[in-house]
Amino acid sequence: MRKRKGKWVWSGLFLAAMASGVAGWISTGGASGADEYQTLISPPQEVAAKAAGARAQTQAAVAWSAGAKSWLVAWREGCLNEGSTEIWCARVGEDGQSLDPAGIRLAYGKGLRSYVSVASDGQNWLVVWGELSNGRDWDVRGIVVSAEGKPQGEPFLIAGGEHNQCEPAAAFAGGHYHVVWSAFVGSGLPNTPGNGYAIYGARVSPQGKLVDATPTELVSNKAYQAAHPSIASGGDVLAVTFVEQRHNRFGGTVINWILLDAKTGARKHGPLPPTSDARKSGRGLGGKVTARWLPVAWNGSSFVTSVRMAEGFGGGSPYVATLWTLSPDGAFQTTRTALDGLEQARVSYLTPHTAVAFDGEHFLYVMENAQDAKEPKGVKGQGVATHMCIAGWYVSPDGTKIVCGRAKGGFKIAAEPGKEHILPAVSAGPQGVCLVVNSELRGVEDIKLVARRVSLKKASP
């Protein structure tokens, strides 16, 4: 069943209402198929439909504020092959409707800005990003946005200085925002021990003041390069997942982690010792740098993340994500639950973007979903093209069972003919509800962010 004009849509047998642009799907339960669920997906809403000069809204990040009763979506405006890019944001209400259709511009001017992350202290938000505005190297900057959607002052420097400080990620715990990033350290070649990327961190107050004037080295680059961090809050600890890459070793990338104290930001557990054999460890990520997306989320007692073996030559499919759990005392183990987002006849090595959130009842894991697309009418000899969609899986709190969605293909969150859906982000909101945001490619210089509320219901008998 469904209601038109922006109301909720029950996911059913691919119901298409062309007049309203609404579509939905039924998805059945776990591997045994013993249980049946229905996904409830709202019609897509543009996050900032009236943003002036919007051409390429990409790389979204999203976080929920219980005090504001809304999500904040932050993104990069523009492409990295241009002379400058900007950072924007907009709030989305708990009903899934945009509260700031004109958007809120946070950072602009000469230079590139990218790698956006956002976190909430329960009332306001901190938006962080990497910025290449000095013409030499990347720095990390941030700004606090109030519950009313007002930027608090000007963007401030979190990490700068010589060489790159980049790829920031943020979370809130222990009364502070915790920001982690990749930092190039050393003065020699990147592939030699002691020269390359390490993980650093610093705390920021809810008012947007640096608590740690000197960043803390969390993972050194002495034995391997450490980069591409993700972070999640888990009560009195935070989990940081990152890519460990051995020097001069092809394909020697694995997932690694550390746990931080929420009060001090100091390292409590991890990282794991350097890995001598990526494949045997079970944590191998292959040789594709785009396997760097290692989303992590907290379920109230442990963290869940994922591993994808993304080899470019004869290896595993990068669309297959295997879930792993990380306990607060540092136990890291696989659940062997595999989620496959590839629905093409041929293997694709274009590693998909992924994200995960816990809605208080289940994990929602989302992934770019590759499908075969037929040749346009009248066009011959181009072969089978790729149609990009967004798929999702609901997974049990312990990460061991797919509750809703096919193991291969999941359930469809965004799939519309003539539109490509890429770069998903997800954040839990009210109990049992998540907001999924992605870039919708409509044409040249026409990429817009759309948001959908997604929840799960037990099917009626």
Protein backbone atom coordinates (compact mmCIF):
# COMPACT_ATOMS: atom_id res chain seq x y z
CA MET A 1 0.00 0.00 0.00
CA ARG A 2 1.07 3.58 -0.46
CA LYS A 3 0.05 7.20 -0.17
CA ARG A 4 0.87 9.76 -2.83
CA LYS A 5 2.36 13.25 -2.70
CA GLY A 6 5.29 12.72 -0.38
CA LYS A 7 3.63 10.27 2.00
CA TRP A 8 5.04 6.89 2.91
CA VAL A 9 5.37 4.07 0.42
CA TRP A 10 5.14 0.43 1.45
CA SER A 11 7.77 -1.56 -0.37
CA GLY A 12 5.90 -4.02 -2.54
CA LEU A 13 6.36 -5.96 -5.75
CA PHE A 14 8.14 -3.17 -7.60
CA LEU A 15 5.15 -0.87 -7.62
CA ALA A 16 5.71 1.97 -10.05
CA ALA A 17 3.60 5.10 -9.95
CA MET A 18 4.96 7.12 -12.82
CA ALA A 19 2.79 10.11 -12.09
CA SER A 20 4.18 10.50 -8.59
CA GLY A 21 7.64 9.11 -9.23
CA VAL A 22 7.22 6.66 -6.35
CA ALA A 23 8.55 3.12 -6.36
CA GLY A 24 9.03 0.40 -3.78
CA TRP A 25 10.09 -3.21 -3.31
CA ILE A 26 9.35 -6.21 -1.14
CA SER A 27 12.31 -7.89 0.47
CA THR A 28 12.21 -11.20 2.30
CA GLY A 29 14.14 -12.21 5.37
CA GLY A 30 17.36 -13.98 6.22
CA ALA A 31 19.26 -16.74 4.51
CA SER A 32 16.67 -19.31 5.54
CA GLY A 33 13.80 -17.19 4.25
CA ALA A 34 11.85 -18.15 7.37
CA ASP A 35 10.90 -14.59 8.23
CA GLU A 36 9.40 -11.92 6.02
CA TYR A 37 9.83 -8.20 6.39
CA GLN A 38 8.75 -5.15 4.49
CA THR A 39 10.92 -2.13 3.91
CA LEU A 40 9.29 1.25 4.20
CA ILE A 41 11.01 3.73 1.87
CA SER A 42 9.89 7.32 1.44
CA PRO A 43 9.85 8.99 -1.99
CA PRO A 44 13.17 10.68 -2.83
CA GLN A 45 13.46 14.30 -1.77
CA GLU A 46 16.12 16.69 -3.03
CA VAL A 47 18.26 17.83 -0.14
CA ALA A 48 18.86 21.33 -1.56
CA ALA A 49 16.73 21.71 -4.67
CA LYS A 50 17.11 25.51 -4.71
CA ALA A 51 20.83 25.77 -3.97
CA ALA A 52 22.25 28.52 -6.18
CA GLY A 53 24.60 27.31 -8.89
CA ALA A 54 24.43 23.66 -7.87
CA ARG A 55 25.97 21.41 -10.53
CA ALA A 56 27.67 18.52 -8.77
CA GLN A 57 26.49 17.68 -5.25
CA THR A 58 28.66 14.72 -4.24
CA GLN A 59 30.45 12.97 -1.39
CA ALA A 60 27.63 13.40 1.11
CA ALA A 61 27.98 12.80 4.85
CA VAL A 62 25.05 12.79 7.27
CA ALA A 63 24.45 12.79 11.05
CA TRP A 64 21.33 12.91 13.25
CA SER A 65 20.73 15.38 16.08
CA ALA A 66 18.11 14.25 18.60
CA GLY A 67 17.90 17.75 20.05
CA ALA A 68 17.31 19.35 16.66
CA LYS A 69 15.08 16.46 15.54
CA SER A 70 16.79 16.55 12.17
CA TRP A 71 19.71 15.25 10.16
CA LEU A 72 22.45 17.45 8.78
CA VAL A 73 23.64 16.49 5.31
CA ALA A 74 26.98 17.98 4.25
CA TRP A 75 28.56 17.62 0.82
CA ARG A 76 31.11 18.79 -1.70
CA GLU A 77 29.86 21.09 -4.46
CA GLY A 78 31.92 20.80 -7.63
CA CYS A 79 34.47 18.38 -9.05
CA LEU A 80 38.13 17.92 -8.18
CA ASN A 81 39.27 18.67 -11.74
CA GLU A 82 38.10 22.26 -11.29
CA GLY A 83 39.97 25.20 -9.81
CA SER A 84 37.84 25.29 -6.67
CA THR A 85 35.14 23.37 -4.86
CA GLU A 86 32.86 24.29 -1.96
CA ILE A 87 31.37 22.68 1.15
CA TRP A 88 27.61 22.96 1.66
CA CYS A 89 25.06 21.54 4.06
CA ALA A 90 21.31 21.36 4.67
CA ARG A 91 19.07 19.96 7.36
CA VAL A 92 16.53 17.21 6.69
CA GLY A 93 13.62 16.87 9.12
CA GLU A 94 12.59 13.62 10.75
CA ASP A 95 9.81 13.38 8.16
CA GLY A 96 12.43 13.25 5.39
CA GLN A 97 11.69 16.74 4.05
CA SER A 98 14.44 19.30 3.47
CA LEU A 99 14.46 22.16 5.97
CA ASP A 100 16.99 24.18 3.96
CA PRO A 101 16.04 23.85 0.27
CA ALA A 102 18.39 26.70 -0.68
CA GLY A 103 21.28 24.97 1.07
CA ILE A 104 23.85 26.51 3.44
CA ARG A 105 27.27 27.35 2.04
CA LEU A 106 29.99 26.67 4.62
CA ALA A 107 33.30 27.06 2.79
CA TYR A 108 34.25 28.52 -0.57
CA GLY A 109 36.99 30.41 -2.38
CA LYS A 110 40.17 29.45 -4.18
CA GLY A 111 41.29 25.83 -3.91
CA LEU A 112 39.80 22.38 -3.53
CA ARG A 113 37.72 21.05 -0.65
CA SER A 114 36.73 17.41 -0.27
CA TYR A 115 36.46 14.38 2.07
CA VAL A 116 33.48 15.65 4.08
CA SER A 117 32.45 14.18 7.45
CA VAL A 118 29.82 15.28 9.96
CA ALA A 119 29.03 14.41 13.59
CA SER A 120 26.54 15.64 16.20
CA ASP A 121 26.81 16.25 19.94
CA GLY A 122 23.07 15.62 20.25
CA GLN A 123 22.21 19.25 19.57
CA ASN A 124 24.56 20.87 17.05
CA TRP A 125 26.90 19.43 14.42
CA LEU A 126 30.56 19.59 13.49
CA VAL A 127 31.35 19.44 9.77
CA VAL A 128 34.96 18.66 8.80
CA TRP A 129 36.69 18.40 5.44
CA GLY A 130 40.04 18.38 3.69
CA GLU A 131 41.10 21.64 2.04
CA LEU A 132 43.75 22.33 -0.59
CA SER A 133 43.62 26.12 -0.63
CA ASN A 134 47.30 26.97 -0.10
CA GLY A 135 48.37 25.48 -3.42
CA ARG A 136 50.79 23.02 -1.78
CA ASP A 137 49.11 20.45 0.46
CA TRP A 138 45.88 19.46 2.17
CA ASP A 139 44.76 20.72 5.59
CA VAL A 140 41.81 19.72 7.78
CA ARG A 141 39.23 22.38 8.60
CA GLY A 142 35.87 22.38 10.34
CA ILE A 143 32.91 24.46 11.42
CA VAL A 144 30.08 24.04 13.93
CA VAL A 145 26.51 24.29 12.62
CA SER A 146 23.74 25.01 15.13
CA ALA A 147 20.50 23.07 15.52
CA GLU A 148 18.81 25.94 13.66
CA GLY A 149 21.13 25.49 10.69
CA LYS A 150 23.35 28.50 11.41
CA PRO A 151 27.14 28.27 10.88
CA GLN A 152 28.88 29.32 14.09
CA GLY A 153 31.61 31.69 12.98
CA GLU A 154 34.12 30.94 10.24
CA PRO A 155 35.80 27.63 9.36
CA PHE A 156 38.76 26.92 11.66
CA LEU A 157 41.96 24.95 11.21
CA ILE A 158 42.10 21.52 12.86
CA ALA A 159 45.29 20.18 11.28
CA GLY A 160 47.76 21.94 9.01
CA GLY A 161 51.45 22.46 8.49
CA GLU A 162 53.88 20.81 6.13
CA HIS A 163 52.68 17.94 3.92
CA ASN A 164 49.16 16.53 3.61
CA GLN A 165 46.65 16.34 6.46
CA CYS A 166 43.65 14.81 4.72
CA GLU A 167 40.67 12.43 4.68
CA PRO A 168 39.18 13.49 8.04
CA ALA A 169 36.44 11.61 9.88
CA ALA A 170 34.53 12.81 12.95
CA ALA A 171 32.45 11.37 15.80
CA PHE A 172 31.22 12.65 19.19
CA ALA A 173 31.88 10.92 22.53
CA GLY A 174 32.97 11.79 26.06
CA GLY A 175 31.93 15.43 25.77
CA HIS A 176 34.11 16.17 22.73
CA TYR A 177 34.18 15.75 19.00
CA HIS A 178 36.96 13.39 17.96
CA VAL A 179 38.51 14.07 14.54
CA VAL A 180 40.94 11.62 12.92
CA TRP A 181 42.78 11.99 9.63
CA SER A 182 45.60 10.72 7.40
CA ALA A 183 48.85 12.66 7.73
CA PHE A 184 51.98 12.37 5.61
CA VAL A 185 55.01 12.13 7.88
CA GLY A 186 58.67 12.00 6.92
CA SER A 187 60.86 13.49 4.24
CA GLY A 188 61.68 10.56 1.99
CA LEU A 189 59.91 8.32 -0.46
CA PRO A 190 56.38 7.23 0.56
CA ASN A 191 57.23 3.53 0.16
CA THR A 192 60.04 3.48 2.72
CA PRO A 193 59.48 2.86 6.45
CA GLY A 194 59.04 6.09 8.38
CA ASN A 195 57.94 7.96 5.26
CA GLY A 196 54.29 7.86 4.36
CA TYR A 197 50.88 8.17 5.92
CA ALA A 198 50.00 7.76 9.58
CA ILE A 199 46.76 8.32 11.52
CA TYR A 200 46.48 11.37 13.76
CA GLY A 201 43.67 12.69 15.93
CA ALA A 202 42.52 15.69 17.96
CA ARG A 203 39.54 16.63 20.10
CA VAL A 204 37.29 19.60 19.38
CA SER A 205 34.90 21.14 21.92
CA PRO A 206 31.16 21.40 21.20
CA GLN A 207 31.76 25.14 20.71
CA GLY A 208 34.28 24.48 17.94
CA LYS A 209 37.53 25.06 19.86
CA LEU A 210 40.55 22.81 19.53
CA VAL A 211 41.10 20.92 22.79
CA ASP A 212 44.36 19.36 21.62
CA ALA A 213 46.61 22.03 20.14
CA THR A 214 49.12 19.32 19.24
CA PRO A 215 47.58 16.38 17.36
CA THR A 216 48.11 12.89 18.74
CA GLU A 217 49.79 10.23 16.62
CA LEU A 218 47.43 7.26 16.87
CA VAL A 219 49.00 4.90 14.32
CA SER A 220 52.58 5.39 13.14
CA ASN A 221 53.96 4.76 9.67
CA LYS A 222 57.07 2.91 10.85
CA ALA A 223 55.97 -0.58 9.77
CA TYR A 224 53.33 0.28 7.18
CA GLN A 225 51.33 3.17 5.81
CA ALA A 226 48.05 3.86 7.63
CA ALA A 227 45.36 5.82 5.83
CA HIS A 228 41.67 6.26 4.97
CA PRO A 229 40.27 6.27 8.55
CA SER A 230 36.62 5.89 9.54
CA ILE A 231 35.37 6.48 13.10
CA ALA A 232 32.32 5.57 15.20
CA SER A 233 31.30 6.36 18.77
CA GLY A 234 30.51 3.52 21.17
CA GLY A 235 29.79 4.94 24.61
CA ASP A 236 33.11 5.33 26.43
CA VAL A 237 35.17 4.13 23.46
CA LEU A 238 35.50 5.00 19.79
CA ALA A 239 36.51 2.65 16.98
CA VAL A 240 38.76 3.80 14.15
CA THR A 241 39.13 1.51 11.15
CA PHE A 242 41.86 2.19 8.62
CA VAL A 243 43.81 0.68 5.73
CA GLU A 244 47.16 -0.88 6.60
CA GLN A 245 49.41 -1.02 3.54
CA ARG A 246 52.78 -2.74 3.72
CA HIS A 247 55.70 -1.01 2.06
CA ASN A 248 56.66 -2.35 -1.37
CA ARG A 249 54.15 -5.18 -1.24
CA PHE A 250 51.64 -5.44 -4.08
CA GLY A 251 48.16 -6.18 -2.83
CA GLY A 252 49.36 -6.06 0.78
CA THR A 253 46.48 -3.97 2.09
CA VAL A 254 44.39 -5.12 5.05
CA ILE A 255 41.85 -3.62 7.41
CA ASN A 256 43.22 -2.64 10.82
CA TRP A 257 41.74 -0.79 13.79
CA ILE A 258 42.31 1.04 17.04
CA LEU A 259 40.03 1.84 19.98
CA LEU A 260 40.17 5.27 21.62
CA ASP A 261 39.20 6.46 25.08
CA ALA A 262 36.19 8.75 24.70
CA LYS A 263 37.35 11.18 27.39
CA THR A 264 40.99 11.62 26.49
CA GLY A 265 41.19 10.51 22.86
CA ALA A 266 44.12 8.26 23.81
CA ARG A 267 44.55 4.85 22.23
CA LYS A 268 43.22 1.99 24.39
CA HIS A 269 43.59 -1.05 22.13
CA GLY A 270 45.16 -1.83 18.78
CA PRO A 271 46.40 -1.67 16.20
CA LEU A 272 46.95 -5.31 15.24
CA PRO A 273 50.58 -6.26 14.51
CA PRO A 274 51.76 -5.80 10.92
CA THR A 275 50.25 -8.43 8.65
CA SER A 276 52.71 -10.67 6.82
CA ASP A 277 50.14 -12.34 4.55
CA ALA A 278 47.06 -10.32 3.63
CA ARG A 279 45.15 -13.24 2.14
CA LYS A 280 45.73 -15.66 5.01
CA SER A 281 44.71 -13.03 7.54
CA GLY A 282 41.20 -12.92 6.12
CA ARG A 283 41.40 -9.13 6.41
CA GLY A 284 42.86 -8.53 2.95
CA LEU A 285 41.57 -5.66 0.84
CA GLY A 286 43.47 -6.51 -2.32
CA GLY A 287 45.44 -4.05 -4.39
CA LYS A 288 42.68 -1.56 -5.13
CA VAL A 289 43.05 1.71 -3.26
CA THR A 290 39.30 2.23 -3.63
CA ALA A 291 38.78 -0.60 -1.16
CA ARG A 292 39.51 2.10 1.39
CA TRP A 293 35.87 2.59 2.38
CA LEU A 294 35.68 0.78 5.71
CA PRO A 295 32.45 1.97 7.34
CA VAL A 296 31.96 1.22 11.03
CA ALA A 297 28.95 1.51 13.37
CA TRP A 298 28.07 0.72 17.01
CA ASN A 299 25.13 -1.45 18.14
CA GLY A 300 25.24 -0.70 21.86
CA SER A 301 27.69 -3.46 22.75
CA SER A 302 30.08 -3.87 19.81
CA PHE A 303 31.09 -2.39 16.47
CA VAL A 304 30.48 -3.78 13.00
CA THR A 305 32.61 -3.08 9.94
CA SER A 306 33.29 -4.89 6.65
CA VAL A 307 36.13 -6.34 4.57
CA ARG A 308 36.22 -6.58 0.76
CA MET A 309 38.93 -8.35 -1.20
CA ALA A 310 39.18 -6.03 -4.21
CA GLU A 311 41.86 -7.44 -6.49
CA GLY A 312 42.23 -6.09 -10.00
CA PHE A 313 43.38 -9.36 -11.59
CA GLY A 314 41.49 -12.56 -10.95
CA GLY A 315 40.71 -11.83 -7.32
CA GLY A 316 37.46 -11.60 -5.42
CA SER A 317 34.64 -9.27 -6.35
CA PRO A 318 34.92 -5.89 -4.62
CA TYR A 319 31.13 -5.93 -4.40
CA VAL A 320 31.21 -8.71 -1.80
CA ALA A 321 31.47 -7.29 1.73
CA THR A 322 32.05 -9.63 4.67
CA LEU A 323 30.98 -8.30 8.06
CA TRP A 324 33.34 -8.28 11.05
CA THR A 325 32.70 -7.37 14.69
CA LEU A 326 34.98 -5.45 17.05
CA SER A 327 34.32 -5.59 20.80
CA PRO A 328 35.25 -2.78 23.25
CA ASP A 329 38.06 -4.99 24.61
CA GLY A 330 39.60 -5.46 21.16
CA ALA A 331 38.26 -8.82 19.97
CA PHE A 332 38.07 -8.64 16.16
CA GLN A 333 36.42 -11.50 14.30
CA THR A 334 34.51 -12.29 11.15
CA THR A 335 30.81 -13.13 11.17
CA ARG A 336 31.15 -14.72 7.70
CA THR A 337 28.03 -12.82 6.66
CA ALA A 338 28.57 -11.74 3.04
CA LEU A 339 26.66 -9.02 1.20
CA ASP A 340 27.02 -8.92 -2.59
CA GLY A 341 26.05 -5.79 -4.51
CA LEU A 342 27.04 -7.04 -7.97
CA GLU A 343 24.14 -7.98 -10.25
CA GLN A 344 26.00 -7.97 -13.54
CA ALA A 345 26.93 -11.04 -15.54
CA ARG A 346 30.56 -9.98 -15.59
CA VAL A 347 32.82 -9.12 -12.69
CA SER A 348 33.36 -5.40 -12.22
CA TYR A 349 36.42 -4.05 -10.45
CA LEU A 350 34.98 -0.58 -9.90
CA THR A 351 34.90 -0.80 -6.13
CA PRO A 352 31.54 0.45 -4.82
CA HIS A 353 31.04 2.98 -2.08
CA THR A 354 29.49 1.60 1.12
CA ALA A 355 28.05 2.91 4.41
CA VAL A 356 26.50 1.43 7.56
CA ALA A 357 24.34 2.60 10.48
CA PHE A 358 22.53 0.99 13.44
CA ASP A 359 18.92 2.10 13.87
CA GLY A 360 18.50 0.75 17.40
CA GLU A 361 17.16 -2.57 16.11
CA HIS A 362 19.22 -3.60 13.08
CA PHE A 363 22.23 -2.56 11.05
CA LEU A 364 21.43 -1.03 7.67
CA TYR A 365 24.31 -1.60 5.24
CA VAL A 366 24.10 0.26 1.93
CA MET A 367 26.20 -0.15 -1.20
CA GLU A 368 26.37 1.02 -4.78
CA ASN A 369 24.67 -1.72 -6.78
CA ALA A 370 25.85 -2.51 -10.32
CA GLN A 371 23.30 -3.90 -12.77
CA ASP A 372 23.34 -4.54 -16.50
CA ALA A 373 21.75 -1.79 -18.57
CA LYS A 374 20.62 -2.41 -22.13
CA GLU A 375 21.95 -0.40 -25.04
CA PRO A 376 20.01 2.80 -25.70
CA LYS A 377 17.51 2.37 -28.51
CA GLY A 378 19.16 2.96 -31.88
CA VAL A 379 22.69 2.63 -30.49
CA LYS A 380 24.58 -0.46 -31.61
CA GLY A 381 27.93 -1.96 -30.73
CA GLN A 382 28.32 -0.41 -27.32
CA GLY A 383 27.80 -3.65 -25.42
CA VAL A 384 26.05 -3.96 -22.07
CA ALA A 385 26.42 -0.85 -19.96
CA THR A 386 26.35 -0.56 -16.18
CA HIS A 387 23.36 0.88 -14.38
CA MET A 388 24.20 2.09 -10.87
CA CYS A 389 21.61 1.76 -8.11
CA ILE A 390 21.70 1.82 -4.31
CA ALA A 391 21.02 -1.47 -2.51
CA GLY A 392 20.55 -2.16 1.17
CA TRP A 393 20.63 -5.04 3.64
CA TYR A 394 19.18 -5.18 7.12
CA VAL A 395 21.44 -7.26 9.35
CA SER A 396 20.94 -8.59 12.88
CA PRO A 397 22.62 -6.66 15.73
CA ASP A 398 25.38 -9.27 16.06
CA GLY A 399 26.11 -9.10 12.32
CA THR A 400 25.52 -12.81 11.76
CA LYS A 401 22.22 -12.85 9.85
CA ILE A 402 20.70 -11.00 6.93
CA VAL A 403 17.26 -10.03 8.18
CA CYS A 404 16.02 -8.34 5.02
CA GLY A 405 17.45 -8.33 1.52
CA ARG A 406 18.84 -11.01 -0.77
CA ALA A 407 22.45 -11.96 -0.10
CA LYS A 408 23.15 -11.04 -3.72
CA GLY A 409 21.55 -7.73 -4.59
CA GLY A 410 19.96 -6.77 -1.27
CA PHE A 411 16.79 -4.72 -1.61
CA LYS A 412 16.60 -1.65 -3.81
CA ILE A 413 16.65 1.75 -2.16
CA ALA A 414 17.29 3.82 -5.30
CA ALA A 415 16.83 2.38 -8.79
CA GLU A 416 15.29 4.45 -11.56
CA PRO A 417 15.72 4.07 -15.33
CA GLY A 418 17.71 6.91 -16.84
CA LYS A 419 19.28 7.92 -13.53
CA GLU A 420 22.53 6.73 -11.97
CA HIS A 421 22.68 6.54 -8.18
CA ILE A 422 26.11 6.72 -6.56
CA LEU A 423 27.99 7.59 -3.35
CA PRO A 424 25.51 6.61 -0.62
CA ALA A 425 25.65 7.80 2.99
CA VAL A 426 23.44 6.64 5.86
CA SER A 427 22.67 7.78 9.39
CA ALA A 428 20.30 6.40 12.00
CA GLY A 429 17.70 8.81 13.37
CA PRO A 430 14.59 8.10 15.45
CA GLN A 431 14.30 4.51 16.69
CA GLY A 432 14.09 2.14 13.75
CA VAL A 433 14.60 4.82 11.09
CA CYS A 434 17.58 5.70 8.89
CA LEU A 435 18.16 8.42 6.32
CA VAL A 436 19.91 7.28 3.14
CA VAL A 437 21.40 10.05 0.99
CA ASN A 438 23.05 9.62 -2.39
CA SER A 439 24.10 11.56 -5.47
CA GLU A 440 21.70 11.20 -8.39
CA LEU A 441 23.40 11.60 -11.76
CA ARG A 442 20.88 13.04 -14.20
CA GLY A 443 23.18 14.50 -16.82
CA VAL A 444 26.31 16.52 -17.44
CA GLU A 445 26.69 19.08 -14.65
CA ASP A 446 23.45 17.85 -13.14
CA ILE A 447 24.22 15.79 -10.03
CA LYS A 448 21.83 16.31 -7.13
CA LEU A 449 21.62 14.88 -3.63
CA VAL A 450 18.43 13.00 -2.79
CA ALA A 451 17.34 11.60 0.57
CA ARG A 452 15.04 8.76 1.55
CA ARG A 453 13.80 7.61 4.94
CA VAL A 454 14.21 3.86 5.27
CA SER A 455 12.76 1.59 7.95
CA LEU A 456 11.79 -2.04 8.45
CA LYS A 457 8.46 -3.60 9.39
CA LYS A 458 7.49 -7.20 10.09
CA ALA A 459 5.24 -8.31 7.25
CA SER A 460 1.59 -8.93 7.96
CA PRO A 461 0.65 -12.62 7.95
